[in-house]
Amino acid sequence: MKNKKSLKKKWLIYSVSGILLMGFGLSVLGESTITKYSGEPFFYWFLTGTGGLVLIFSGLSIFGQGVIYKSFMDRNNTDLTDFNNWDSK
């Protein structure tokens, strides 16, 4: 039972933080787009846009880890290191 609560806690933390990070990345990317069309120097909007993309994909990766924890919860799998036996259950 403790393991299931641990998985739920990890799932909530990873999923919510991933979604928040993706949202923040989209905001930074939007700000970069606005600065590009306002005539700001190239390096300013380029670096801001690159940082926004890094945040978006980092958030997507963290959210994906949350999806993995959710699938473990749904399958009632208690051994997180046993990836080879997924199809045998």
Protein backbone atom coordinates (compact mmCIF):
# COMPACT_ATOMS: atom_id res chain seq x y z
CA MET A 1 0.00 0.00 0.00
CA LYS A 2 2.86 2.35 0.80
CA ASN A 3 4.34 1.82 -2.65
CA LYS A 4 1.04 2.76 -4.30
CA LYS A 5 0.92 6.01 -2.30
CA SER A 6 4.52 6.71 -3.27
CA LEU A 7 3.68 6.17 -6.94
CA LYS A 8 0.66 8.47 -6.68
CA LYS A 9 2.77 11.18 -5.06
CA LYS A 10 5.44 10.87 -7.77
CA TRP A 11 2.78 10.89 -10.46
CA LEU A 12 1.21 14.09 -9.12
CA ILE A 13 4.54 15.86 -8.66
CA TYR A 14 5.92 14.95 -12.08
CA SER A 15 2.69 15.57 -13.99
CA VAL A 16 1.87 18.92 -12.45
CA SER A 17 5.43 20.24 -12.59
CA GLY A 18 5.76 19.10 -16.21
CA ILE A 19 2.57 20.91 -17.22
CA LEU A 20 3.65 24.07 -15.38
CA LEU A 21 7.08 23.97 -17.01
CA MET A 22 5.54 23.55 -20.46
CA GLY A 23 3.25 26.51 -19.84
CA PHE A 24 6.13 28.67 -18.68
CA GLY A 25 8.13 27.63 -21.74
CA LEU A 26 5.27 28.61 -24.03
CA SER A 27 5.12 32.01 -22.32
CA VAL A 28 8.86 32.54 -22.79
CA LEU A 29 8.59 31.46 -26.44
CA GLY A 30 5.70 33.88 -26.97
CA GLU A 31 7.72 36.68 -25.40
CA SER A 32 10.57 35.83 -27.75
CA THR A 33 8.24 36.07 -30.74
CA ILE A 34 7.01 39.47 -29.60
CA THR A 35 10.56 40.76 -29.14
CA LYS A 36 11.57 39.48 -32.57
CA TYR A 37 8.85 41.46 -34.31
CA SER A 38 9.52 44.54 -32.16
CA GLY A 39 12.95 44.89 -33.70
CA GLU A 40 15.09 43.73 -30.77
CA PRO A 41 18.63 42.49 -31.46
CA PHE A 42 19.02 39.01 -32.89
CA PHE A 43 20.79 37.41 -29.94
CA TYR A 44 18.17 38.60 -27.44
CA TRP A 45 15.17 37.00 -29.10
CA PHE A 46 17.18 34.01 -30.34
CA LEU A 47 18.45 33.10 -26.87
CA THR A 48 15.05 33.77 -25.31
CA GLY A 49 13.35 31.55 -27.89
CA THR A 50 15.92 28.81 -27.41
CA GLY A 51 15.39 28.96 -23.65
CA GLY A 52 11.64 28.74 -24.19
CA LEU A 53 12.04 25.64 -26.34
CA VAL A 54 14.31 24.06 -23.72
CA LEU A 55 11.65 24.70 -21.08
CA ILE A 56 8.88 23.26 -23.25
CA PHE A 57 10.74 20.05 -24.02
CA SER A 58 11.97 19.68 -20.45
CA GLY A 59 8.39 19.98 -19.26
CA LEU A 60 7.29 17.43 -21.83
CA SER A 61 9.95 15.02 -20.62
CA ILE A 62 8.98 15.47 -16.97
CA PHE A 63 5.31 15.04 -17.85
CA GLY A 64 6.20 11.85 -19.72
CA GLN A 65 7.83 10.49 -16.59
CA GLY A 66 4.57 11.21 -14.76
CA VAL A 67 2.71 9.19 -17.39
CA ILE A 68 5.09 6.29 -16.73
CA TYR A 69 4.32 6.43 -13.00
CA LYS A 70 0.60 6.56 -13.79
CA SER A 71 0.89 3.44 -15.95
CA PHE A 72 2.67 1.68 -13.08
CA MET A 73 -0.20 2.65 -10.79
CA ASP A 74 -2.80 1.40 -13.25
CA ARG A 75 -1.09 -1.94 -13.73
CA ASN A 76 -0.54 -2.40 -9.96
CA ASN A 77 3.11 -3.09 -10.63
CA THR A 78 5.19 -2.87 -7.46
CA ASP A 79 8.62 -3.50 -8.97
CA LEU A 80 9.67 -0.36 -10.83
CA THR A 81 12.86 -1.91 -12.18
CA ASP A 82 11.18 -4.85 -13.89
CA PHE A 83 10.63 -3.39 -17.38
CA ASN A 84 11.14 -6.71 -19.19
CA ASN A 85 8.03 -8.42 -17.79
CA TRP A 86 5.40 -5.84 -18.82
CA ASP A 87 3.86 -8.10 -21.45
CA SER A 88 3.71 -11.16 -19.21
CA LYS A 89 1.14 -9.68 -16.83
